[in-house]
Amino acid sequence: MKNFHKNIIILASGNGSNAINIINNFSSANSSVSKISIKALVCNNPDAPIIDKVKNMYADINLYCLPFKKAAERTLFEKGLTEIINKYKIDYIILAGFMKILSNDFVLKNLNKIINIHPSLLPAFKGTQAIKDAFDYGVKVTGVTIHFVIPEIDSGPIILQEPVFIEEYDTIETLEEKIHKLEHKMYIKVLELISCGKLKIADNRVKIF
């Protein structure tokens, strides 16, 4: 099958389990034929555990820490991020536990290039507490959504959605575990679709071939 080479960067803010999962699957150290080139990981939080994880485990990954904790730091963060995108000729920006909001201007300049993962079946339960909100509301089914980013938060063309069933015996902790396991599988699936040229977006609609 033809390999559609794509350069990506990963943005993360915390523990970075999704980021590490992507690196495990696509880093040159772990793949004899890398379908996805991870050019860099960018973290906005200098105290985030993901920084030491990448330093200790993946010396081949270019690591950047661009401080962005306060809204006033966003302009400088996006300026630095744009320089990295241009430097490595980035095709896709992968948000993996990135907990800050990018500006409308940045998003529009990179439209159809930014991909996010959200722990609910959007448009239900938007926001940073999606798992807890679904659990507290008492729904029987929640899930995971991977989507392209647009200026409206937790919106944009949906690439992939899969359900997670909430059983009577589930706690918030077991639900979080089920959702995170599914997130890891789904992000790899989406990146594989991209690398094989099976995912296209046009007119705000995603097509999978």
N, C-alpha and C. Protein backbone atom coordinates (compact mmCIF):
# COMPACT_ATOMS: atom_id res chain seq x y z
N MET A 1 0.85 -1.20 0.00
CA MET A 1 0.00 0.00 0.00
C MET A 1 0.89 1.25 0.00
N LYS A 2 0.53 2.21 -0.80
CA LYS A 2 1.32 3.42 -0.89
C LYS A 2 1.36 4.14 0.44
N ASN A 3 2.53 4.65 0.80
CA ASN A 3 2.71 5.34 2.08
C ASN A 3 2.67 6.84 1.85
N PHE A 4 1.67 7.51 2.39
CA PHE A 4 1.54 8.96 2.26
C PHE A 4 2.25 9.59 3.45
N HIS A 5 3.50 9.94 3.26
CA HIS A 5 4.33 10.47 4.35
C HIS A 5 3.77 11.77 4.88
N LYS A 6 3.60 11.85 6.20
CA LYS A 6 3.08 13.06 6.83
C LYS A 6 3.95 13.43 8.03
N ASN A 7 4.23 14.71 8.15
CA ASN A 7 4.96 15.24 9.30
C ASN A 7 3.97 15.77 10.33
N ILE A 8 4.16 15.36 11.59
CA ILE A 8 3.26 15.85 12.63
C ILE A 8 4.05 16.41 13.81
N ILE A 9 3.39 17.29 14.56
CA ILE A 9 3.87 17.65 15.88
C ILE A 9 2.76 17.34 16.87
N ILE A 10 3.15 17.06 18.09
CA ILE A 10 2.21 16.73 19.15
C ILE A 10 2.24 17.83 20.19
N LEU A 11 1.07 18.29 20.61
CA LEU A 11 0.95 19.27 21.69
C LEU A 11 0.38 18.59 22.92
N ALA A 12 1.03 18.78 24.07
CA ALA A 12 0.59 18.16 25.31
C ALA A 12 0.81 19.12 26.47
N SER A 13 0.04 18.87 27.55
CA SER A 13 0.12 19.76 28.71
C SER A 13 0.42 19.06 30.02
N GLY A 14 0.21 17.73 30.10
CA GLY A 14 0.29 17.07 31.40
C GLY A 14 1.07 15.78 31.38
N ASN A 15 0.39 14.67 31.77
CA ASN A 15 1.06 13.37 31.83
C ASN A 15 1.40 12.83 30.45
N GLY A 16 0.55 13.14 29.49
CA GLY A 16 0.87 12.81 28.10
C GLY A 16 0.72 11.35 27.73
N SER A 17 -0.28 10.65 28.28
CA SER A 17 -0.44 9.23 27.94
C SER A 17 -0.79 9.05 26.46
N ASN A 18 -1.61 9.92 25.92
CA ASN A 18 -1.93 9.83 24.49
C ASN A 18 -0.71 10.16 23.64
N ALA A 19 0.07 11.14 24.07
CA ALA A 19 1.28 11.51 23.33
C ALA A 19 2.28 10.36 23.32
N ILE A 20 2.51 9.75 24.48
CA ILE A 20 3.45 8.64 24.56
C ILE A 20 2.96 7.46 23.72
N ASN A 21 1.66 7.22 23.72
CA ASN A 21 1.10 6.14 22.91
C ASN A 21 1.37 6.37 21.43
N ILE A 22 1.20 7.60 20.97
CA ILE A 22 1.47 7.92 19.57
C ILE A 22 2.95 7.73 19.26
N ILE A 23 3.82 8.23 20.15
CA ILE A 23 5.26 8.08 19.93
C ILE A 23 5.64 6.60 19.91
N ASN A 24 5.07 5.82 20.82
CA ASN A 24 5.36 4.38 20.86
C ASN A 24 5.06 3.70 19.53
N ASN A 25 4.01 4.16 18.88
CA ASN A 25 3.59 3.52 17.63
C ASN A 25 4.29 4.05 16.39
N PHE A 26 4.72 5.31 16.43
CA PHE A 26 5.20 5.91 15.19
C PHE A 26 6.61 6.49 15.24
N SER A 27 7.28 6.43 16.39
CA SER A 27 8.63 6.98 16.42
C SER A 27 9.57 6.11 15.59
N SER A 28 10.60 6.73 15.04
CA SER A 28 11.55 6.01 14.20
C SER A 28 12.25 4.92 14.99
N ALA A 29 12.35 5.09 16.32
CA ALA A 29 13.02 4.08 17.16
C ALA A 29 12.21 2.80 17.26
N ASN A 30 10.90 2.90 17.07
CA ASN A 30 10.02 1.74 17.26
C ASN A 30 9.40 1.23 15.97
N SER A 31 9.71 1.87 14.87
CA SER A 31 9.10 1.45 13.61
C SER A 31 10.15 1.41 12.51
N SER A 32 10.28 0.26 11.88
CA SER A 32 11.26 0.14 10.80
C SER A 32 10.82 0.93 9.57
N VAL A 33 9.53 1.06 9.39
CA VAL A 33 8.99 1.88 8.31
C VAL A 33 8.00 2.86 8.93
N SER A 34 8.47 4.06 9.21
CA SER A 34 7.63 5.04 9.89
C SER A 34 6.64 5.67 8.91
N LYS A 35 5.37 5.43 9.13
CA LYS A 35 4.33 5.99 8.26
C LYS A 35 4.05 7.44 8.62
N ILE A 36 4.31 7.80 9.86
CA ILE A 36 4.11 9.15 10.36
C ILE A 36 5.43 9.62 10.95
N SER A 37 5.89 10.79 10.56
CA SER A 37 7.12 11.36 11.12
C SER A 37 6.77 12.34 12.23
N ILE A 38 7.13 11.99 13.46
CA ILE A 38 6.90 12.87 14.60
C ILE A 38 8.08 13.83 14.68
N LYS A 39 7.87 15.04 14.24
CA LYS A 39 8.96 16.00 14.15
C LYS A 39 9.27 16.67 15.48
N ALA A 40 8.25 16.81 16.34
CA ALA A 40 8.49 17.48 17.62
C ALA A 40 7.32 17.25 18.55
N LEU A 41 7.60 17.40 19.84
CA LEU A 41 6.56 17.49 20.85
C LEU A 41 6.68 18.85 21.51
N VAL A 42 5.56 19.55 21.59
CA VAL A 42 5.53 20.89 22.18
C VAL A 42 4.68 20.84 23.44
N CYS A 43 5.24 21.32 24.54
CA CYS A 43 4.51 21.35 25.81
C CYS A 43 4.42 22.80 26.29
N ASN A 44 3.25 23.18 26.77
CA ASN A 44 3.05 24.54 27.24
C ASN A 44 3.32 24.69 28.73
N ASN A 45 3.51 23.56 29.43
CA ASN A 45 3.66 23.57 30.89
C ASN A 45 5.03 23.04 31.27
N PRO A 46 5.94 23.89 31.78
CA PRO A 46 7.30 23.44 32.10
C PRO A 46 7.35 22.40 33.21
N ASP A 47 6.26 22.24 33.97
CA ASP A 47 6.23 21.26 35.05
C ASP A 47 5.55 19.96 34.66
N ALA A 48 5.15 19.83 33.43
CA ALA A 48 4.39 18.65 33.00
C ALA A 48 5.27 17.40 32.99
N PRO A 49 4.76 16.28 33.50
CA PRO A 49 5.52 15.02 33.49
C PRO A 49 5.92 14.54 32.10
N ILE A 50 5.15 14.92 31.07
CA ILE A 50 5.47 14.48 29.72
C ILE A 50 6.87 14.91 29.29
N ILE A 51 7.35 16.03 29.81
CA ILE A 51 8.68 16.53 29.41
C ILE A 51 9.77 15.54 29.79
N ASP A 52 9.79 15.10 31.05
CA ASP A 52 10.81 14.15 31.49
C ASP A 52 10.64 12.79 30.82
N LYS A 53 9.39 12.40 30.57
CA LYS A 53 9.15 11.13 29.90
C LYS A 53 9.80 11.11 28.52
N VAL A 54 9.61 12.17 27.77
CA VAL A 54 10.18 12.23 26.41
C VAL A 54 11.70 12.32 26.48
N LYS A 55 12.22 13.13 27.41
CA LYS A 55 13.68 13.24 27.55
C LYS A 55 14.31 11.89 27.86
N ASN A 56 13.68 11.14 28.74
CA ASN A 56 14.26 9.87 29.19
C ASN A 56 14.04 8.73 28.22
N MET A 57 12.94 8.77 27.48
CA MET A 57 12.57 7.62 26.65
C MET A 57 12.83 7.82 25.17
N TYR A 58 12.81 9.08 24.71
CA TYR A 58 12.86 9.33 23.27
C TYR A 58 13.76 10.52 22.96
N ALA A 59 15.04 10.26 22.98
CA ALA A 59 16.00 11.33 22.72
C ALA A 59 15.94 11.82 21.28
N ASP A 60 15.32 11.01 20.39
CA ASP A 60 15.24 11.39 18.98
C ASP A 60 14.09 12.36 18.69
N ILE A 61 13.22 12.57 19.69
CA ILE A 61 12.09 13.48 19.50
C ILE A 61 12.50 14.90 19.89
N ASN A 62 12.36 15.84 18.99
CA ASN A 62 12.65 17.24 19.30
C ASN A 62 11.62 17.75 20.30
N LEU A 63 12.09 18.24 21.44
CA LEU A 63 11.20 18.65 22.52
C LEU A 63 11.29 20.16 22.72
N TYR A 64 10.12 20.79 22.74
CA TYR A 64 10.05 22.24 22.95
C TYR A 64 9.10 22.54 24.10
N CYS A 65 9.51 23.43 24.99
CA CYS A 65 8.62 23.92 26.04
C CYS A 65 8.38 25.40 25.80
N LEU A 66 7.16 25.72 25.42
CA LEU A 66 6.77 27.11 25.16
C LEU A 66 5.75 27.50 26.22
N PRO A 67 6.13 28.28 27.22
CA PRO A 67 5.22 28.59 28.33
C PRO A 67 3.90 29.22 27.88
N PHE A 68 2.82 28.64 28.37
CA PHE A 68 1.48 29.16 28.07
C PHE A 68 0.55 28.66 29.17
N LYS A 69 0.59 29.36 30.30
CA LYS A 69 -0.31 29.05 31.40
C LYS A 69 -1.38 30.12 31.53
N LYS A 70 -0.99 31.36 31.21
CA LYS A 70 -1.91 32.49 31.31
C LYS A 70 -2.31 32.94 29.91
N ALA A 71 -3.49 33.51 29.80
CA ALA A 71 -4.00 33.96 28.49
C ALA A 71 -3.04 34.95 27.84
N ALA A 72 -2.37 35.75 28.65
CA ALA A 72 -1.46 36.76 28.11
C ALA A 72 -0.25 36.14 27.40
N GLU A 73 0.01 34.86 27.67
CA GLU A 73 1.17 34.20 27.05
C GLU A 73 0.83 33.54 25.71
N ARG A 74 -0.44 33.56 25.34
CA ARG A 74 -0.86 32.84 24.15
C ARG A 74 -0.22 33.35 22.87
N THR A 75 -0.10 34.65 22.73
CA THR A 75 0.47 35.22 21.49
C THR A 75 1.89 34.73 21.28
N LEU A 76 2.71 34.78 22.33
CA LEU A 76 4.10 34.32 22.20
C LEU A 76 4.15 32.82 21.95
N PHE A 77 3.28 32.09 22.62
CA PHE A 77 3.22 30.64 22.41
C PHE A 77 2.92 30.33 20.95
N GLU A 78 1.91 30.96 20.40
CA GLU A 78 1.53 30.67 19.01
C GLU A 78 2.57 31.15 18.02
N LYS A 79 3.28 32.22 18.36
CA LYS A 79 4.38 32.66 17.49
C LYS A 79 5.48 31.60 17.44
N GLY A 80 5.86 31.10 18.60
CA GLY A 80 6.87 30.05 18.65
C GLY A 80 6.40 28.77 17.98
N LEU A 81 5.14 28.44 18.19
CA LEU A 81 4.57 27.23 17.58
C LEU A 81 4.56 27.34 16.06
N THR A 82 4.22 28.51 15.56
CA THR A 82 4.22 28.73 14.10
C THR A 82 5.62 28.56 13.52
N GLU A 83 6.62 29.02 14.23
CA GLU A 83 8.01 28.85 13.77
C GLU A 83 8.38 27.37 13.68
N ILE A 84 7.93 26.60 14.67
CA ILE A 84 8.21 25.16 14.66
C ILE A 84 7.47 24.48 13.51
N ILE A 85 6.23 24.86 13.29
CA ILE A 85 5.44 24.30 12.19
C ILE A 85 6.13 24.56 10.86
N ASN A 86 6.60 25.77 10.67
CA ASN A 86 7.27 26.12 9.42
C ASN A 86 8.62 25.41 9.29
N LYS A 87 9.34 25.31 10.39
CA LYS A 87 10.66 24.69 10.37
C LYS A 87 10.60 23.24 9.90
N TYR A 88 9.62 22.51 10.39
CA TYR A 88 9.53 21.08 10.10
C TYR A 88 8.52 20.74 9.00
N LYS A 89 7.97 21.77 8.36
CA LYS A 89 6.99 21.54 7.29
C LYS A 89 5.89 20.59 7.76
N ILE A 90 5.20 21.02 8.80
CA ILE A 90 4.23 20.18 9.47
C ILE A 90 2.93 20.05 8.67
N ASP A 91 2.44 18.83 8.55
CA ASP A 91 1.16 18.56 7.89
C ASP A 91 0.00 18.57 8.87
N TYR A 92 0.23 18.02 10.09
CA TYR A 92 -0.84 17.94 11.08
C TYR A 92 -0.32 18.28 12.47
N ILE A 93 -1.17 18.98 13.22
CA ILE A 93 -0.89 19.33 14.62
C ILE A 93 -1.82 18.47 15.47
N ILE A 94 -1.24 17.62 16.30
CA ILE A 94 -2.02 16.64 17.06
C ILE A 94 -2.13 17.10 18.52
N LEU A 95 -3.34 17.40 18.96
CA LEU A 95 -3.57 17.79 20.34
C LEU A 95 -3.80 16.53 21.17
N ALA A 96 -2.89 16.27 22.10
CA ALA A 96 -2.96 15.05 22.91
C ALA A 96 -2.87 15.44 24.38
N GLY A 97 -4.01 15.76 24.95
CA GLY A 97 -4.00 16.26 26.32
C GLY A 97 -3.48 17.68 26.42
N PHE A 98 -3.71 18.45 25.38
CA PHE A 98 -3.32 19.87 25.37
C PHE A 98 -4.49 20.67 25.95
N MET A 99 -4.25 21.31 27.09
CA MET A 99 -5.36 21.86 27.88
C MET A 99 -5.52 23.38 27.76
N LYS A 100 -5.04 23.95 26.66
CA LYS A 100 -5.21 25.39 26.44
C LYS A 100 -6.00 25.62 25.16
N ILE A 101 -6.59 26.80 25.07
CA ILE A 101 -7.40 27.16 23.91
C ILE A 101 -6.56 27.99 22.94
N LEU A 102 -6.47 27.54 21.71
CA LEU A 102 -5.74 28.28 20.68
C LEU A 102 -6.62 29.40 20.14
N SER A 103 -5.98 30.46 19.68
CA SER A 103 -6.74 31.61 19.20
C SER A 103 -7.47 31.29 17.90
N ASN A 104 -8.54 32.03 17.66
CA ASN A 104 -9.27 31.86 16.39
C ASN A 104 -8.37 32.09 15.20
N ASP A 105 -7.51 33.10 15.31
CA ASP A 105 -6.61 33.43 14.20
C ASP A 105 -5.67 32.27 13.89
N PHE A 106 -5.09 31.67 14.93
CA PHE A 106 -4.18 30.54 14.71
C PHE A 106 -4.92 29.36 14.11
N VAL A 107 -6.11 29.07 14.64
CA VAL A 107 -6.89 27.94 14.13
C VAL A 107 -7.25 28.14 12.66
N LEU A 108 -7.69 29.33 12.31
CA LEU A 108 -8.09 29.59 10.93
C LEU A 108 -6.90 29.50 9.98
N LYS A 109 -5.72 29.91 10.44
CA LYS A 109 -4.52 29.82 9.61
C LYS A 109 -4.08 28.37 9.41
N ASN A 110 -4.52 27.50 10.32
CA ASN A 110 -4.14 26.09 10.25
C ASN A 110 -5.37 25.19 10.12
N LEU A 111 -6.38 25.69 9.47
CA LEU A 111 -7.62 24.95 9.33
C LEU A 111 -7.39 23.62 8.59
N ASN A 112 -8.03 22.58 9.10
CA ASN A 112 -7.92 21.22 8.56
C ASN A 112 -6.54 20.59 8.81
N LYS A 113 -5.78 21.21 9.73
CA LYS A 113 -4.48 20.65 10.10
C LYS A 113 -4.42 20.28 11.58
N ILE A 114 -5.33 20.81 12.39
CA ILE A 114 -5.30 20.58 13.84
C ILE A 114 -6.32 19.51 14.19
N ILE A 115 -5.86 18.46 14.88
CA ILE A 115 -6.74 17.35 15.26
C ILE A 115 -6.76 17.24 16.78
N ASN A 116 -7.97 17.09 17.33
CA ASN A 116 -8.14 16.99 18.78
C ASN A 116 -8.91 15.72 19.13
N ILE A 117 -8.71 15.25 20.36
CA ILE A 117 -9.47 14.12 20.88
C ILE A 117 -10.24 14.58 22.11
N HIS A 118 -11.49 14.13 22.21
CA HIS A 118 -12.36 14.58 23.30
C HIS A 118 -13.09 13.39 23.90
N PRO A 119 -13.14 13.29 25.24
CA PRO A 119 -13.73 12.11 25.89
C PRO A 119 -15.25 12.16 26.06
N SER A 120 -15.94 12.33 24.96
CA SER A 120 -17.40 12.23 24.94
C SER A 120 -17.83 12.06 23.49
N LEU A 121 -19.11 11.79 23.30
CA LEU A 121 -19.66 11.75 21.95
C LEU A 121 -20.17 13.14 21.62
N LEU A 122 -19.27 13.96 21.11
CA LEU A 122 -19.67 15.33 20.76
C LEU A 122 -20.84 15.30 19.78
N PRO A 123 -21.77 16.27 19.91
CA PRO A 123 -21.68 17.51 20.68
C PRO A 123 -22.08 17.40 22.15
N ALA A 124 -22.32 16.21 22.66
CA ALA A 124 -22.66 16.06 24.07
C ALA A 124 -21.42 16.25 24.95
N PHE A 125 -21.61 16.89 26.08
CA PHE A 125 -20.60 17.02 27.12
C PHE A 125 -19.29 17.63 26.63
N LYS A 126 -19.40 18.84 26.15
CA LYS A 126 -18.21 19.61 25.81
C LYS A 126 -17.51 20.05 27.10
N GLY A 127 -16.27 20.52 26.96
CA GLY A 127 -15.57 21.08 28.11
C GLY A 127 -14.56 20.13 28.74
N THR A 128 -13.87 20.63 29.76
CA THR A 128 -12.75 19.91 30.36
C THR A 128 -13.17 18.82 31.33
N GLN A 129 -14.45 18.79 31.73
CA GLN A 129 -14.92 17.79 32.69
C GLN A 129 -15.89 16.81 32.03
N ALA A 130 -15.64 16.47 30.79
CA ALA A 130 -16.60 15.69 30.01
C ALA A 130 -16.90 14.32 30.62
N ILE A 131 -15.87 13.63 31.11
CA ILE A 131 -16.11 12.30 31.67
C ILE A 131 -16.95 12.40 32.93
N LYS A 132 -16.59 13.30 33.80
CA LYS A 132 -17.36 13.50 35.04
C LYS A 132 -18.78 13.96 34.75
N ASP A 133 -18.91 14.87 33.80
CA ASP A 133 -20.24 15.38 33.47
C ASP A 133 -21.16 14.26 32.97
N ALA A 134 -20.63 13.39 32.13
CA ALA A 134 -21.43 12.27 31.61
C ALA A 134 -21.79 11.30 32.74
N PHE A 135 -20.82 11.02 33.58
CA PHE A 135 -21.05 10.09 34.69
C PHE A 135 -22.10 10.66 35.66
N ASP A 136 -21.94 11.93 36.02
CA ASP A 136 -22.87 12.55 36.97
C ASP A 136 -24.28 12.69 36.40
N TYR A 137 -24.37 12.89 35.09
CA TYR A 137 -25.68 13.05 34.45
C TYR A 137 -26.45 11.73 34.42
N GLY A 138 -25.70 10.64 34.43
CA GLY A 138 -26.35 9.33 34.47
C GLY A 138 -26.62 8.70 33.12
N VAL A 139 -25.95 9.16 32.08
CA VAL A 139 -26.16 8.55 30.77
C VAL A 139 -25.60 7.13 30.76
N LYS A 140 -26.14 6.30 29.89
CA LYS A 140 -25.71 4.92 29.78
C LYS A 140 -24.61 4.72 28.73
N VAL A 141 -24.49 5.71 27.86
CA VAL A 141 -23.48 5.63 26.81
C VAL A 141 -22.78 6.97 26.68
N THR A 142 -21.46 6.96 26.73
CA THR A 142 -20.67 8.12 26.38
C THR A 142 -19.66 7.65 25.34
N GLY A 143 -18.48 8.23 25.26
CA GLY A 143 -17.55 7.74 24.25
C GLY A 143 -16.40 8.68 24.00
N VAL A 144 -15.84 8.56 22.82
CA VAL A 144 -14.67 9.34 22.42
C VAL A 144 -14.90 9.89 21.01
N THR A 145 -14.49 11.13 20.81
CA THR A 145 -14.58 11.79 19.50
C THR A 145 -13.21 12.32 19.10
N ILE A 146 -12.81 12.06 17.87
CA ILE A 146 -11.63 12.71 17.28
C ILE A 146 -12.13 13.60 16.16
N HIS A 147 -11.70 14.85 16.18
CA HIS A 147 -12.25 15.83 15.23
C HIS A 147 -11.21 16.87 14.82
N PHE A 148 -11.46 17.49 13.68
CA PHE A 148 -10.66 18.64 13.28
C PHE A 148 -11.10 19.84 14.11
N VAL A 149 -10.16 20.70 14.43
CA VAL A 149 -10.43 21.85 15.28
C VAL A 149 -10.86 23.05 14.45
N ILE A 150 -11.92 23.71 14.90
CA ILE A 150 -12.37 24.98 14.35
C ILE A 150 -12.41 25.98 15.50
N PRO A 151 -12.65 27.27 15.22
CA PRO A 151 -12.65 28.25 16.32
C PRO A 151 -13.62 27.94 17.45
N GLU A 152 -14.77 27.35 17.16
CA GLU A 152 -15.70 27.00 18.23
C GLU A 152 -15.15 25.80 19.01
N ILE A 153 -15.11 25.94 20.33
CA ILE A 153 -14.49 24.93 21.18
C ILE A 153 -15.25 23.60 21.13
N ASP A 154 -14.47 22.50 21.07
CA ASP A 154 -15.02 21.14 21.05
C ASP A 154 -16.06 20.97 19.95
N SER A 155 -15.73 21.51 18.79
CA SER A 155 -16.58 21.39 17.60
C SER A 155 -15.68 21.06 16.42
N GLY A 156 -16.22 21.12 15.25
CA GLY A 156 -15.44 20.85 14.05
C GLY A 156 -15.79 19.49 13.45
N PRO A 157 -15.41 19.30 12.19
CA PRO A 157 -15.74 18.05 11.49
C PRO A 157 -15.24 16.81 12.23
N ILE A 158 -16.14 15.87 12.44
CA ILE A 158 -15.81 14.66 13.20
C ILE A 158 -15.13 13.64 12.28
N ILE A 159 -13.99 13.15 12.74
CA ILE A 159 -13.25 12.13 12.01
C ILE A 159 -13.71 10.73 12.42
N LEU A 160 -13.81 10.54 13.71
CA LEU A 160 -14.14 9.21 14.23
C LEU A 160 -14.82 9.35 15.59
N GLN A 161 -15.84 8.55 15.83
CA GLN A 161 -16.49 8.46 17.14
C GLN A 161 -16.72 7.00 17.48
N GLU A 162 -16.52 6.67 18.75
CA GLU A 162 -16.82 5.32 19.21
C GLU A 162 -17.44 5.40 20.60
N PRO A 163 -18.40 4.53 20.90
CA PRO A 163 -19.10 4.60 22.19
C PRO A 163 -18.36 3.88 23.31
N VAL A 164 -18.65 4.31 24.53
CA VAL A 164 -18.25 3.61 25.74
C VAL A 164 -19.50 3.45 26.59
N PHE A 165 -19.82 2.22 26.96
CA PHE A 165 -21.02 1.96 27.74
C PHE A 165 -20.72 2.10 29.23
N ILE A 166 -21.59 2.79 29.93
CA ILE A 166 -21.44 2.97 31.37
C ILE A 166 -22.31 1.94 32.08
N GLU A 167 -21.66 0.99 32.72
CA GLU A 167 -22.36 -0.09 33.42
C GLU A 167 -22.70 0.33 34.85
N GLU A 168 -23.59 -0.39 35.47
CA GLU A 168 -24.01 -0.07 36.83
C GLU A 168 -22.85 -0.15 37.82
N TYR A 169 -21.91 -1.04 37.54
CA TYR A 169 -20.78 -1.22 38.45
C TYR A 169 -19.67 -0.19 38.23
N ASP A 170 -19.76 0.61 37.18
CA ASP A 170 -18.70 1.57 36.88
C ASP A 170 -18.62 2.67 37.93
N THR A 171 -17.40 3.07 38.21
CA THR A 171 -17.12 4.28 39.00
C THR A 171 -16.52 5.30 38.05
N ILE A 172 -16.32 6.51 38.52
CA ILE A 172 -15.70 7.52 37.67
C ILE A 172 -14.30 7.06 37.25
N GLU A 173 -13.62 6.33 38.16
CA GLU A 173 -12.26 5.87 37.85
C GLU A 173 -12.27 4.78 36.78
N THR A 174 -13.20 3.83 36.87
CA THR A 174 -13.24 2.77 35.86
C THR A 174 -13.70 3.31 34.52
N LEU A 175 -14.58 4.30 34.56
CA LEU A 175 -15.02 4.93 33.30
C LEU A 175 -13.87 5.66 32.64
N GLU A 176 -13.10 6.40 33.42
CA GLU A 176 -11.93 7.09 32.88
C GLU A 176 -10.95 6.11 32.25
N GLU A 177 -10.75 4.97 32.90
CA GLU A 177 -9.83 3.96 32.38
C GLU A 177 -10.32 3.41 31.04
N LYS A 178 -11.61 3.13 30.94
CA LYS A 178 -12.16 2.61 29.69
C LYS A 178 -12.03 3.64 28.56
N ILE A 179 -12.30 4.90 28.88
CA ILE A 179 -12.22 5.94 27.86
C ILE A 179 -10.78 6.15 27.41
N HIS A 180 -9.84 6.16 28.34
CA HIS A 180 -8.44 6.38 27.96
C HIS A 180 -7.91 5.24 27.09
N LYS A 181 -8.31 4.00 27.39
CA LYS A 181 -7.89 2.87 26.56
C LYS A 181 -8.42 3.02 25.13
N LEU A 182 -9.67 3.45 25.02
CA LEU A 182 -10.25 3.65 23.70
C LEU A 182 -9.58 4.80 22.97
N GLU A 183 -9.28 5.89 23.69
CA GLU A 183 -8.58 7.02 23.07
C GLU A 183 -7.29 6.57 22.41
N HIS A 184 -6.52 5.75 23.11
CA HIS A 184 -5.23 5.30 22.59
C HIS A 184 -5.40 4.54 21.28
N LYS A 185 -6.39 3.66 21.22
CA LYS A 185 -6.63 2.88 20.00
C LYS A 185 -7.10 3.78 18.86
N MET A 186 -7.99 4.72 19.18
CA MET A 186 -8.59 5.54 18.13
C MET A 186 -7.59 6.51 17.51
N TYR A 187 -6.72 7.10 18.33
CA TYR A 187 -5.76 8.06 17.76
C TYR A 187 -4.82 7.36 16.78
N ILE A 188 -4.40 6.14 17.12
CA ILE A 188 -3.53 5.39 16.21
C ILE A 188 -4.28 5.07 14.92
N LYS A 189 -5.54 4.68 15.04
CA LYS A 189 -6.34 4.36 13.85
C LYS A 189 -6.46 5.57 12.93
N VAL A 190 -6.71 6.75 13.49
CA VAL A 190 -6.84 7.96 12.69
C VAL A 190 -5.52 8.30 12.00
N LEU A 191 -4.41 8.20 12.72
CA LEU A 191 -3.12 8.51 12.11
C LEU A 191 -2.76 7.51 11.02
N GLU A 192 -3.14 6.26 11.21
CA GLU A 192 -2.91 5.28 10.15
C GLU A 192 -3.74 5.59 8.90
N LEU A 193 -4.97 6.04 9.10
CA LEU A 193 -5.81 6.44 7.96
C LEU A 193 -5.16 7.60 7.22
N ILE A 194 -4.62 8.55 7.97
CA ILE A 194 -3.95 9.70 7.35
C ILE A 194 -2.73 9.25 6.57
N SER A 195 -1.93 8.37 7.17
CA SER A 195 -0.68 7.95 6.54
C SER A 195 -0.91 7.15 5.27
N CYS A 196 -2.09 6.53 5.16
CA CYS A 196 -2.40 5.73 3.97
C CYS A 196 -3.25 6.49 2.96
N GLY A 197 -3.49 7.76 3.23
CA GLY A 197 -4.27 8.58 2.31
C GLY A 197 -5.73 8.23 2.28
N LYS A 198 -6.25 7.63 3.37
CA LYS A 198 -7.65 7.20 3.40
C LYS A 198 -8.57 8.21 4.07
N LEU A 199 -8.01 9.31 4.52
CA LEU A 199 -8.82 10.32 5.20
C LEU A 199 -8.68 11.65 4.46
N LYS A 200 -9.81 12.19 4.06
CA LYS A 200 -9.84 13.46 3.34
C LYS A 200 -10.88 14.37 3.98
N ILE A 201 -10.65 15.68 3.90
CA ILE A 201 -11.63 16.64 4.36
C ILE A 201 -11.85 17.69 3.28
N ALA A 202 -13.10 17.95 2.99
CA ALA A 202 -13.47 18.96 2.01
C ALA A 202 -14.85 19.49 2.36
N ASP A 203 -15.02 20.79 2.25
CA ASP A 203 -16.31 21.43 2.55
C ASP A 203 -16.80 21.08 3.95
N ASN A 204 -15.84 21.08 4.90
CA ASN A 204 -16.15 20.79 6.31
C ASN A 204 -16.71 19.40 6.54
N ARG A 205 -16.44 18.48 5.64
CA ARG A 205 -16.88 17.10 5.82
C ARG A 205 -15.69 16.17 5.67
N VAL A 206 -15.67 15.16 6.56
CA VAL A 206 -14.59 14.19 6.53
C VAL A 206 -15.06 12.96 5.78
N LYS A 207 -14.20 12.47 4.88
CA LYS A 207 -14.48 11.23 4.16
C LYS A 207 -13.38 10.23 4.45
N ILE A 208 -13.78 9.00 4.77
CA ILE A 208 -12.83 7.92 5.00
C ILE A 208 -13.04 6.88 3.90
N PHE A 209 -11.97 6.57 3.18
CA PHE A 209 -12.05 5.67 2.04
C PHE A 209 -11.65 4.25 2.42
